[in-house]
Amino acid sequence: MQTRAVTGIQFENNTLEGYRKVNISPRIMWEGIGRNNFDKIKSLNYDVTKFIIIWEKSRFTKADWEGPNGELYEVKKYSRKDIDKWKLFSEPFFKMASKGRLKCMRVEEYNKFVDEFYEYNKSNGTFDKIIKNICNSVSGIYIENHECIPMEDLEFKIEILRNCWEGYNRITLFFRLKPSKQ
């Protein structure tokens, strides 16, 4: 496991008084037939216009802590200065992430699909809708020194990380402090 991941988990476990640790991750459900997203993509003949979100079956919440009144917060082990630049928030999309999945799809066909999927969903507003759903699910992000940054002080974007793992690209959600709040 990456050092960043280990220290991040340790930081998340150090909750404030009155707060409790939760582990809520986004889970996007996709159209298509199959046991996994790769089977679904293939079942739709790699057509990005058919590989769409099943909104009513998907969960867009990402939270590490629950506050005393039930409000949810994400926790990131960053300083305020760190979040002046784009930082990883989540990877809620399908992704190649295990050796066992490598046989599901060749890197070339997967990356071609990722590129087409990205362009299609960026242009049709789907990514904006996903960001809005994720941002509306939490009250803010706690960073180092237990400072809470309200969601309205942050901005988000979705980008492709190229050659992220074993040559496979990955669609990723990033966040940063709005320039007016820096």
N, C-alpha and C. Protein backbone atom coordinates (compact mmCIF):
# COMPACT_ATOMS: atom_id res chain seq x y z
N MET A 1 0.84 -1.18 0.00
CA MET A 1 0.00 0.00 0.00
C MET A 1 0.88 1.24 0.00
N GLN A 2 0.46 2.28 -0.71
CA GLN A 2 1.22 3.51 -0.80
C GLN A 2 1.28 4.20 0.56
N THR A 3 2.42 4.86 0.84
CA THR A 3 2.60 5.58 2.09
C THR A 3 1.49 6.61 2.27
N ARG A 4 1.14 7.33 1.18
CA ARG A 4 0.09 8.35 1.24
C ARG A 4 -1.22 7.74 1.72
N ALA A 5 -1.52 6.55 1.23
CA ALA A 5 -2.77 5.88 1.61
C ALA A 5 -2.76 5.50 3.09
N VAL A 6 -1.63 5.00 3.57
CA VAL A 6 -1.53 4.58 4.97
C VAL A 6 -1.66 5.77 5.91
N THR A 7 -0.91 6.84 5.64
CA THR A 7 -0.98 8.01 6.53
C THR A 7 -2.34 8.69 6.42
N GLY A 8 -2.95 8.63 5.25
CA GLY A 8 -4.29 9.19 5.09
C GLY A 8 -5.31 8.46 5.93
N ILE A 9 -5.22 7.14 5.97
CA ILE A 9 -6.14 6.32 6.78
C ILE A 9 -5.93 6.62 8.26
N GLN A 10 -4.68 6.72 8.67
CA GLN A 10 -4.39 7.05 10.07
C GLN A 10 -4.98 8.41 10.43
N PHE A 11 -4.86 9.37 9.52
CA PHE A 11 -5.41 10.71 9.74
C PHE A 11 -6.93 10.65 9.86
N GLU A 12 -7.57 9.90 8.98
CA GLU A 12 -9.03 9.75 9.01
C GLU A 12 -9.51 9.14 10.32
N ASN A 13 -8.74 8.23 10.87
CA ASN A 13 -9.14 7.55 12.10
C ASN A 13 -9.05 8.43 13.34
N ASN A 14 -8.40 9.56 13.23
CA ASN A 14 -8.22 10.50 14.34
C ASN A 14 -9.38 11.51 14.34
N THR A 15 -10.57 11.02 14.68
CA THR A 15 -11.77 11.86 14.59
C THR A 15 -11.83 12.91 15.70
N LEU A 16 -12.60 13.92 15.44
CA LEU A 16 -12.85 14.95 16.45
C LEU A 16 -13.87 14.42 17.46
N GLU A 17 -13.89 15.02 18.65
CA GLU A 17 -14.88 14.63 19.66
C GLU A 17 -16.28 14.90 19.12
N GLY A 18 -17.15 13.91 19.27
CA GLY A 18 -18.52 14.02 18.80
C GLY A 18 -18.71 13.53 17.37
N TYR A 19 -17.62 13.23 16.69
CA TYR A 19 -17.67 12.72 15.33
C TYR A 19 -17.42 11.21 15.35
N ARG A 20 -17.85 10.53 14.32
CA ARG A 20 -17.53 9.10 14.23
C ARG A 20 -17.04 8.79 12.82
N LYS A 21 -16.19 7.80 12.75
CA LYS A 21 -15.61 7.36 11.48
C LYS A 21 -16.67 6.60 10.69
N VAL A 22 -16.81 6.95 9.42
CA VAL A 22 -17.67 6.22 8.50
C VAL A 22 -16.83 5.93 7.26
N ASN A 23 -17.26 5.00 6.48
CA ASN A 23 -16.54 4.69 5.24
C ASN A 23 -17.56 4.59 4.13
N ILE A 24 -17.86 5.73 3.52
CA ILE A 24 -18.86 5.78 2.47
C ILE A 24 -18.17 6.20 1.18
N SER A 25 -18.27 5.35 0.17
CA SER A 25 -17.64 5.63 -1.12
C SER A 25 -18.68 5.68 -2.21
N PRO A 26 -18.40 6.50 -3.24
CA PRO A 26 -19.33 6.52 -4.37
C PRO A 26 -19.38 5.14 -5.04
N ARG A 27 -20.53 4.81 -5.54
CA ARG A 27 -20.69 3.55 -6.29
C ARG A 27 -21.62 3.85 -7.46
N ILE A 28 -21.01 3.95 -8.63
CA ILE A 28 -21.78 4.26 -9.82
C ILE A 28 -22.15 2.95 -10.52
N MET A 29 -23.43 2.82 -10.80
CA MET A 29 -23.95 1.65 -11.51
C MET A 29 -24.15 2.03 -12.97
N TRP A 30 -23.76 1.12 -13.86
CA TRP A 30 -23.76 1.39 -15.29
C TRP A 30 -24.70 0.45 -16.03
N GLU A 31 -25.25 0.96 -17.15
CA GLU A 31 -26.04 0.12 -18.05
C GLU A 31 -25.12 -0.94 -18.65
N GLY A 32 -25.70 -2.01 -19.13
CA GLY A 32 -24.95 -3.08 -19.77
C GLY A 32 -25.18 -4.39 -19.05
N ILE A 33 -24.76 -5.45 -19.68
CA ILE A 33 -24.95 -6.78 -19.14
C ILE A 33 -23.60 -7.36 -18.75
N GLY A 34 -23.53 -7.91 -17.55
CA GLY A 34 -22.29 -8.55 -17.12
C GLY A 34 -22.07 -8.42 -15.63
N ARG A 35 -21.11 -9.19 -15.15
CA ARG A 35 -20.79 -9.21 -13.72
C ARG A 35 -19.94 -8.02 -13.30
N ASN A 36 -19.22 -7.43 -14.25
CA ASN A 36 -18.37 -6.29 -13.92
C ASN A 36 -18.48 -5.24 -15.02
N ASN A 37 -17.89 -4.09 -14.80
CA ASN A 37 -18.00 -2.99 -15.75
C ASN A 37 -17.36 -3.32 -17.10
N PHE A 38 -16.32 -4.14 -17.10
CA PHE A 38 -15.68 -4.50 -18.37
C PHE A 38 -16.61 -5.36 -19.22
N ASP A 39 -17.32 -6.29 -18.58
CA ASP A 39 -18.31 -7.09 -19.30
C ASP A 39 -19.43 -6.19 -19.82
N LYS A 40 -19.85 -5.21 -19.03
CA LYS A 40 -20.91 -4.30 -19.44
C LYS A 40 -20.48 -3.47 -20.65
N ILE A 41 -19.24 -2.96 -20.61
CA ILE A 41 -18.72 -2.19 -21.73
C ILE A 41 -18.73 -3.03 -23.00
N LYS A 42 -18.25 -4.26 -22.90
CA LYS A 42 -18.23 -5.16 -24.06
C LYS A 42 -19.63 -5.47 -24.54
N SER A 43 -20.58 -5.68 -23.60
CA SER A 43 -21.95 -6.02 -23.98
C SER A 43 -22.62 -4.89 -24.78
N LEU A 44 -22.12 -3.68 -24.62
CA LEU A 44 -22.65 -2.53 -25.34
C LEU A 44 -21.78 -2.18 -26.56
N ASN A 45 -20.91 -3.13 -26.92
CA ASN A 45 -20.03 -2.98 -28.09
C ASN A 45 -19.20 -1.70 -28.02
N TYR A 46 -18.72 -1.36 -26.81
CA TYR A 46 -17.85 -0.21 -26.58
C TYR A 46 -18.49 1.12 -26.98
N ASP A 47 -19.81 1.17 -26.98
CA ASP A 47 -20.54 2.38 -27.36
C ASP A 47 -20.74 3.25 -26.13
N VAL A 48 -20.00 4.36 -26.07
CA VAL A 48 -20.06 5.24 -24.89
C VAL A 48 -21.43 5.89 -24.72
N THR A 49 -22.21 5.98 -25.79
CA THR A 49 -23.54 6.58 -25.69
C THR A 49 -24.53 5.64 -25.01
N LYS A 50 -24.18 4.36 -24.92
CA LYS A 50 -25.04 3.38 -24.25
C LYS A 50 -24.56 3.03 -22.85
N PHE A 51 -23.27 3.25 -22.58
CA PHE A 51 -22.70 2.97 -21.26
C PHE A 51 -22.99 4.18 -20.37
N ILE A 52 -24.20 4.21 -19.83
CA ILE A 52 -24.66 5.37 -19.08
C ILE A 52 -24.97 4.98 -17.63
N ILE A 53 -25.02 5.98 -16.81
CA ILE A 53 -25.27 5.79 -15.38
C ILE A 53 -26.72 5.42 -15.13
N ILE A 54 -26.92 4.47 -14.25
CA ILE A 54 -28.25 4.18 -13.72
C ILE A 54 -28.35 5.02 -12.45
N TRP A 55 -28.87 6.23 -12.58
CA TRP A 55 -28.84 7.23 -11.51
C TRP A 55 -29.53 6.75 -10.24
N GLU A 56 -30.67 6.09 -10.38
CA GLU A 56 -31.43 5.70 -9.20
C GLU A 56 -30.78 4.55 -8.42
N LYS A 57 -29.84 3.85 -9.03
CA LYS A 57 -29.15 2.75 -8.34
C LYS A 57 -27.73 3.15 -7.90
N SER A 58 -27.32 4.36 -8.22
CA SER A 58 -25.96 4.80 -7.91
C SER A 58 -25.92 5.60 -6.61
N ARG A 59 -24.75 5.59 -5.98
CA ARG A 59 -24.53 6.37 -4.75
C ARG A 59 -23.35 7.31 -5.03
N PHE A 60 -23.54 8.58 -4.71
CA PHE A 60 -22.51 9.57 -5.00
C PHE A 60 -21.86 10.13 -3.75
N THR A 61 -22.21 9.62 -2.61
CA THR A 61 -21.65 10.10 -1.34
C THR A 61 -20.24 9.59 -1.15
N LYS A 62 -19.36 10.49 -0.70
CA LYS A 62 -18.00 10.13 -0.32
C LYS A 62 -17.73 10.81 1.01
N ALA A 63 -17.62 10.02 2.06
CA ALA A 63 -17.44 10.61 3.39
C ALA A 63 -16.61 9.70 4.28
N ASP A 64 -15.85 10.34 5.17
CA ASP A 64 -15.03 9.63 6.15
C ASP A 64 -15.52 9.83 7.58
N TRP A 65 -16.19 10.96 7.83
CA TRP A 65 -16.67 11.26 9.18
C TRP A 65 -18.14 11.65 9.14
N GLU A 66 -18.82 11.31 10.22
CA GLU A 66 -20.17 11.80 10.44
C GLU A 66 -20.14 12.70 11.66
N GLY A 67 -20.68 13.91 11.51
CA GLY A 67 -20.68 14.89 12.59
C GLY A 67 -21.77 14.62 13.60
N PRO A 68 -21.80 15.38 14.68
CA PRO A 68 -22.75 15.17 15.77
C PRO A 68 -24.22 15.27 15.35
N ASN A 69 -24.49 16.01 14.28
CA ASN A 69 -25.87 16.18 13.81
C ASN A 69 -26.16 15.35 12.55
N GLY A 70 -25.29 14.39 12.26
CA GLY A 70 -25.50 13.52 11.10
C GLY A 70 -24.93 14.05 9.81
N GLU A 71 -24.32 15.23 9.84
CA GLU A 71 -23.72 15.77 8.62
C GLU A 71 -22.47 14.97 8.27
N LEU A 72 -22.16 14.88 6.99
CA LEU A 72 -21.04 14.07 6.53
C LEU A 72 -19.88 14.95 6.06
N TYR A 73 -18.66 14.44 6.26
CA TYR A 73 -17.45 15.16 5.87
C TYR A 73 -16.45 14.20 5.24
N GLU A 74 -15.75 14.69 4.26
CA GLU A 74 -14.61 13.98 3.71
C GLU A 74 -13.38 14.45 4.50
N VAL A 75 -12.37 13.61 4.60
CA VAL A 75 -11.15 13.95 5.34
C VAL A 75 -9.96 13.70 4.43
N LYS A 76 -9.11 14.71 4.29
CA LYS A 76 -7.91 14.62 3.45
C LYS A 76 -6.71 15.10 4.23
N LYS A 77 -5.63 14.35 4.19
CA LYS A 77 -4.42 14.71 4.92
C LYS A 77 -3.58 15.69 4.09
N TYR A 78 -4.15 16.87 3.89
CA TYR A 78 -3.47 17.93 3.18
C TYR A 78 -3.47 19.17 4.05
N SER A 79 -2.47 20.03 3.84
CA SER A 79 -2.48 21.35 4.48
C SER A 79 -3.29 22.29 3.59
N ARG A 80 -3.63 23.43 4.12
CA ARG A 80 -4.36 24.42 3.32
C ARG A 80 -3.54 24.82 2.09
N LYS A 81 -2.24 24.95 2.26
CA LYS A 81 -1.36 25.32 1.14
C LYS A 81 -1.37 24.23 0.06
N ASP A 82 -1.44 22.96 0.48
CA ASP A 82 -1.47 21.85 -0.48
C ASP A 82 -2.66 21.93 -1.43
N ILE A 83 -3.79 22.37 -0.92
CA ILE A 83 -5.00 22.33 -1.74
C ILE A 83 -5.18 23.59 -2.59
N ASP A 84 -4.13 24.42 -2.66
CA ASP A 84 -4.12 25.49 -3.66
C ASP A 84 -3.98 24.89 -5.06
N LYS A 85 -3.43 23.68 -5.13
CA LYS A 85 -3.24 22.96 -6.39
C LYS A 85 -4.23 21.79 -6.45
N TRP A 86 -4.50 21.31 -7.64
CA TRP A 86 -5.43 20.20 -7.82
C TRP A 86 -4.93 18.96 -7.10
N LYS A 87 -5.80 18.34 -6.32
CA LYS A 87 -5.50 17.12 -5.57
C LYS A 87 -6.57 16.07 -5.85
N LEU A 88 -6.18 14.82 -5.72
CA LEU A 88 -7.11 13.71 -5.91
C LEU A 88 -8.23 13.78 -4.88
N PHE A 89 -9.45 13.68 -5.35
CA PHE A 89 -10.60 13.59 -4.45
C PHE A 89 -11.16 12.18 -4.46
N SER A 90 -11.37 11.63 -5.66
CA SER A 90 -11.99 10.31 -5.75
C SER A 90 -11.79 9.74 -7.15
N GLU A 91 -11.92 8.44 -7.23
CA GLU A 91 -11.93 7.75 -8.52
C GLU A 91 -13.21 6.92 -8.58
N PRO A 92 -14.35 7.60 -8.75
CA PRO A 92 -15.63 6.90 -8.65
C PRO A 92 -16.03 6.13 -9.91
N PHE A 93 -15.24 6.25 -10.97
CA PHE A 93 -15.59 5.62 -12.23
C PHE A 93 -15.01 4.22 -12.31
N PHE A 94 -15.38 3.51 -13.34
CA PHE A 94 -14.78 2.21 -13.62
C PHE A 94 -13.28 2.40 -13.78
N LYS A 95 -12.51 1.40 -13.40
CA LYS A 95 -11.05 1.51 -13.54
C LYS A 95 -10.41 0.14 -13.52
N MET A 96 -9.29 0.07 -14.18
CA MET A 96 -8.46 -1.13 -14.14
C MET A 96 -7.57 -0.97 -12.92
N ALA A 97 -7.71 -1.91 -11.96
CA ALA A 97 -6.99 -1.71 -10.70
C ALA A 97 -6.48 -2.99 -10.06
N SER A 98 -6.58 -4.12 -10.78
CA SER A 98 -6.05 -5.35 -10.19
C SER A 98 -5.47 -6.24 -11.28
N LYS A 99 -4.48 -7.00 -10.90
CA LYS A 99 -3.83 -7.91 -11.85
C LYS A 99 -4.84 -8.89 -12.45
N GLY A 100 -5.79 -9.32 -11.64
CA GLY A 100 -6.80 -10.27 -12.12
C GLY A 100 -7.69 -9.70 -13.21
N ARG A 101 -7.88 -8.41 -13.24
CA ARG A 101 -8.74 -7.76 -14.25
C ARG A 101 -8.01 -7.50 -15.57
N LEU A 102 -6.68 -7.59 -15.57
CA LEU A 102 -5.92 -7.27 -16.78
C LEU A 102 -6.37 -8.09 -17.99
N LYS A 103 -6.85 -9.30 -17.75
CA LYS A 103 -7.28 -10.15 -18.86
C LYS A 103 -8.64 -9.75 -19.41
N CYS A 104 -9.33 -8.85 -18.72
CA CYS A 104 -10.67 -8.43 -19.13
C CYS A 104 -10.67 -7.60 -20.40
N MET A 105 -9.63 -6.76 -20.57
CA MET A 105 -9.62 -5.85 -21.70
C MET A 105 -8.19 -5.40 -21.98
N ARG A 106 -7.83 -5.41 -23.24
CA ARG A 106 -6.48 -4.95 -23.63
C ARG A 106 -6.35 -3.46 -23.38
N VAL A 107 -5.15 -3.02 -23.07
CA VAL A 107 -4.89 -1.63 -22.72
C VAL A 107 -5.32 -0.67 -23.83
N GLU A 108 -5.06 -1.04 -25.09
CA GLU A 108 -5.39 -0.14 -26.21
C GLU A 108 -6.90 0.07 -26.32
N GLU A 109 -7.66 -1.02 -26.26
CA GLU A 109 -9.11 -0.88 -26.40
C GLU A 109 -9.72 -0.18 -25.17
N TYR A 110 -9.17 -0.48 -24.00
CA TYR A 110 -9.64 0.17 -22.78
C TYR A 110 -9.39 1.68 -22.83
N ASN A 111 -8.16 2.08 -23.15
CA ASN A 111 -7.81 3.50 -23.18
C ASN A 111 -8.58 4.25 -24.26
N LYS A 112 -8.84 3.61 -25.40
CA LYS A 112 -9.66 4.22 -26.45
C LYS A 112 -11.07 4.46 -25.91
N PHE A 113 -11.61 3.48 -25.22
CA PHE A 113 -12.94 3.64 -24.63
C PHE A 113 -12.94 4.76 -23.59
N VAL A 114 -11.94 4.80 -22.73
CA VAL A 114 -11.84 5.84 -21.70
C VAL A 114 -11.83 7.23 -22.34
N ASP A 115 -11.02 7.40 -23.39
CA ASP A 115 -10.95 8.70 -24.06
C ASP A 115 -12.30 9.11 -24.64
N GLU A 116 -12.96 8.18 -25.32
CA GLU A 116 -14.27 8.48 -25.92
C GLU A 116 -15.32 8.74 -24.84
N PHE A 117 -15.29 7.94 -23.78
CA PHE A 117 -16.22 8.10 -22.66
C PHE A 117 -16.04 9.48 -22.02
N TYR A 118 -14.79 9.86 -21.81
CA TYR A 118 -14.48 11.15 -21.19
C TYR A 118 -15.03 12.29 -22.04
N GLU A 119 -14.71 12.31 -23.32
CA GLU A 119 -15.16 13.39 -24.20
C GLU A 119 -16.68 13.46 -24.27
N TYR A 120 -17.32 12.31 -24.38
CA TYR A 120 -18.78 12.26 -24.49
C TYR A 120 -19.44 12.81 -23.22
N ASN A 121 -18.99 12.37 -22.06
CA ASN A 121 -19.62 12.76 -20.79
C ASN A 121 -19.22 14.16 -20.33
N LYS A 122 -18.08 14.63 -20.77
CA LYS A 122 -17.70 16.01 -20.48
C LYS A 122 -18.59 16.96 -21.29
N SER A 123 -18.85 16.61 -22.53
CA SER A 123 -19.62 17.50 -23.40
C SER A 123 -21.12 17.46 -23.13
N ASN A 124 -21.64 16.35 -22.61
CA ASN A 124 -23.09 16.26 -22.42
C ASN A 124 -23.55 16.67 -21.01
N GLY A 125 -22.63 17.08 -20.13
CA GLY A 125 -23.00 17.55 -18.80
C GLY A 125 -23.04 16.50 -17.71
N THR A 126 -22.78 15.24 -18.07
CA THR A 126 -22.82 14.18 -17.07
C THR A 126 -21.80 14.41 -15.96
N PHE A 127 -20.58 14.80 -16.33
CA PHE A 127 -19.56 15.02 -15.31
C PHE A 127 -19.96 16.14 -14.35
N ASP A 128 -20.56 17.20 -14.88
CA ASP A 128 -21.02 18.28 -14.01
C ASP A 128 -22.08 17.78 -13.04
N LYS A 129 -22.96 16.92 -13.51
CA LYS A 129 -24.02 16.36 -12.65
C LYS A 129 -23.42 15.45 -11.57
N ILE A 130 -22.41 14.67 -11.92
CA ILE A 130 -21.73 13.81 -10.94
C ILE A 130 -21.07 14.66 -9.87
N ILE A 131 -20.35 15.70 -10.29
CA ILE A 131 -19.68 16.59 -9.33
C ILE A 131 -20.71 17.21 -8.39
N LYS A 132 -21.80 17.70 -8.94
CA LYS A 132 -22.85 18.32 -8.12
C LYS A 132 -23.40 17.32 -7.10
N ASN A 133 -23.66 16.09 -7.53
CA ASN A 133 -24.17 15.06 -6.61
C ASN A 133 -23.17 14.75 -5.49
N ILE A 134 -21.92 14.61 -5.84
CA ILE A 134 -20.90 14.31 -4.83
C ILE A 134 -20.74 15.48 -3.86
N CYS A 135 -20.68 16.70 -4.38
CA CYS A 135 -20.51 17.88 -3.53
C CYS A 135 -21.70 18.10 -2.61
N ASN A 136 -22.89 17.80 -3.07
CA ASN A 136 -24.09 17.99 -2.25
C ASN A 136 -24.23 16.92 -1.16
N SER A 137 -23.43 15.88 -1.23
CA SER A 137 -23.56 14.79 -0.26
C SER A 137 -22.77 15.03 1.03
N VAL A 138 -21.86 15.99 1.02
CA VAL A 138 -21.05 16.27 2.22
C VAL A 138 -21.06 17.76 2.53
N SER A 139 -20.79 18.08 3.79
CA SER A 139 -20.80 19.47 4.23
C SER A 139 -19.47 20.17 3.99
N GLY A 140 -18.39 19.40 3.95
CA GLY A 140 -17.08 20.00 3.76
C GLY A 140 -16.00 18.95 3.81
N ILE A 141 -14.77 19.44 3.72
CA ILE A 141 -13.59 18.57 3.78
C ILE A 141 -12.73 19.03 4.94
N TYR A 142 -12.45 18.11 5.85
CA TYR A 142 -11.51 18.39 6.93
C TYR A 142 -10.10 18.12 6.42
N ILE A 143 -9.20 19.08 6.69
CA ILE A 143 -7.80 18.93 6.31
C ILE A 143 -6.96 18.97 7.58
N GLU A 144 -5.64 19.02 7.43
CA GLU A 144 -4.75 19.05 8.60
C GLU A 144 -5.15 20.16 9.56
N ASN A 145 -4.80 19.97 10.80
CA ASN A 145 -5.14 20.88 11.90
C ASN A 145 -6.65 20.95 12.13
N HIS A 146 -7.34 19.94 11.66
CA HIS A 146 -8.80 19.82 11.80
C HIS A 146 -9.54 21.07 11.31
N GLU A 147 -9.01 21.66 10.25
CA GLU A 147 -9.70 22.78 9.61
C GLU A 147 -10.72 22.23 8.63
N CYS A 148 -11.93 22.75 8.72
CA CYS A 148 -12.99 22.32 7.81
C CYS A 148 -13.15 23.35 6.70
N ILE A 149 -13.00 22.88 5.48
CA ILE A 149 -13.21 23.73 4.30
C ILE A 149 -14.61 23.44 3.77
N PRO A 150 -15.51 24.43 3.77
CA PRO A 150 -16.86 24.19 3.24
C PRO A 150 -16.80 23.87 1.75
N MET A 151 -17.73 23.07 1.28
CA MET A 151 -17.74 22.66 -0.12
C MET A 151 -17.81 23.86 -1.06
N GLU A 152 -18.49 24.92 -0.66
CA GLU A 152 -18.62 26.08 -1.56
C GLU A 152 -17.30 26.83 -1.75
N ASP A 153 -16.28 26.53 -0.93
CA ASP A 153 -14.97 27.15 -1.09
C ASP A 153 -14.05 26.32 -1.98
N LEU A 154 -14.56 25.22 -2.51
CA LEU A 154 -13.76 24.31 -3.33
C LEU A 154 -14.29 24.25 -4.75
N GLU A 155 -13.41 23.89 -5.67
CA GLU A 155 -13.84 23.62 -7.03
C GLU A 155 -13.35 22.23 -7.43
N PHE A 156 -14.06 21.64 -8.37
CA PHE A 156 -13.81 20.26 -8.76
C PHE A 156 -13.70 20.16 -10.27
N LYS A 157 -12.95 19.14 -10.72
CA LYS A 157 -12.88 18.83 -12.14
C LYS A 157 -12.62 17.34 -12.30
N ILE A 158 -12.99 16.84 -13.46
CA ILE A 158 -12.76 15.44 -13.79
C ILE A 158 -11.79 15.41 -14.96
N GLU A 159 -10.73 14.64 -14.82
CA GLU A 159 -9.69 14.54 -15.84
C GLU A 159 -9.28 13.08 -16.03
N ILE A 160 -8.55 12.84 -17.09
CA ILE A 160 -7.96 11.52 -17.33
C ILE A 160 -6.52 11.55 -16.84
N LEU A 161 -6.17 10.59 -16.00
CA LEU A 161 -4.77 10.37 -15.65
C LEU A 161 -4.24 9.34 -16.64
N ARG A 162 -3.27 9.72 -17.42
CA ARG A 162 -2.74 8.83 -18.46
C ARG A 162 -1.69 7.89 -17.88
N ASN A 163 -1.72 6.65 -18.36
CA ASN A 163 -0.75 5.63 -17.96
C ASN A 163 -0.68 5.52 -16.43
N CYS A 164 -1.84 5.50 -15.82
CA CYS A 164 -1.95 5.54 -14.36
C CYS A 164 -1.50 4.23 -13.72
N TRP A 165 -1.89 3.13 -14.31
CA TRP A 165 -1.55 1.83 -13.73
C TRP A 165 -1.41 0.81 -14.85
N GLU A 166 -0.25 0.19 -14.94
CA GLU A 166 0.02 -0.85 -15.95
C GLU A 166 -0.32 -0.38 -17.37
N GLY A 167 -0.19 0.93 -17.63
CA GLY A 167 -0.49 1.48 -18.95
C GLY A 167 -1.93 1.89 -19.14
N TYR A 168 -2.79 1.58 -18.18
CA TYR A 168 -4.22 1.91 -18.28
C TYR A 168 -4.46 3.33 -17.77
N ASN A 169 -5.30 4.06 -18.49
CA ASN A 169 -5.70 5.40 -18.08
C ASN A 169 -6.81 5.31 -17.04
N ARG A 170 -6.99 6.39 -16.31
CA ARG A 170 -8.00 6.40 -15.25
C ARG A 170 -8.69 7.76 -15.21
N ILE A 171 -10.01 7.74 -15.15
CA ILE A 171 -10.77 8.97 -15.01
C ILE A 171 -10.87 9.30 -13.52
N THR A 172 -10.48 10.53 -13.17
CA THR A 172 -10.30 10.89 -11.77
C THR A 172 -10.96 12.24 -11.46
N LEU A 173 -11.51 12.34 -10.27
CA LEU A 173 -12.10 13.58 -9.78
C LEU A 173 -11.07 14.28 -8.89
N PHE A 174 -10.79 15.55 -9.21
CA PHE A 174 -9.84 16.36 -8.47
C PHE A 174 -10.55 17.54 -7.80
N PHE A 175 -9.92 18.08 -6.76
CA PHE A 175 -10.45 19.27 -6.09
C PHE A 175 -9.31 20.22 -5.74
N ARG A 176 -9.67 21.47 -5.53
CA ARG A 176 -8.74 22.46 -5.00
C ARG A 176 -9.53 23.60 -4.38
N LEU A 177 -8.83 24.37 -3.59
CA LEU A 177 -9.41 25.57 -3.00
C LEU A 177 -9.61 26.59 -4.12
N LYS A 178 -10.78 27.21 -4.15
CA LYS A 178 -11.03 28.23 -5.18
C LYS A 178 -9.96 29.32 -5.05
N PRO A 179 -9.46 29.83 -6.17
CA PRO A 179 -8.42 30.88 -6.11
C PRO A 179 -8.82 32.06 -5.23
N SER A 180 -10.08 32.42 -5.19
CA SER A 180 -10.54 33.55 -4.36
C SER A 180 -10.46 33.24 -2.86
N LYS A 181 -10.29 31.95 -2.49
CA LYS A 181 -10.22 31.54 -1.08
C LYS A 181 -8.79 31.23 -0.64
N GLN A 182 -7.84 31.33 -1.56
CA GLN A 182 -6.44 30.99 -1.24
C GLN A 182 -5.75 32.10 -0.48
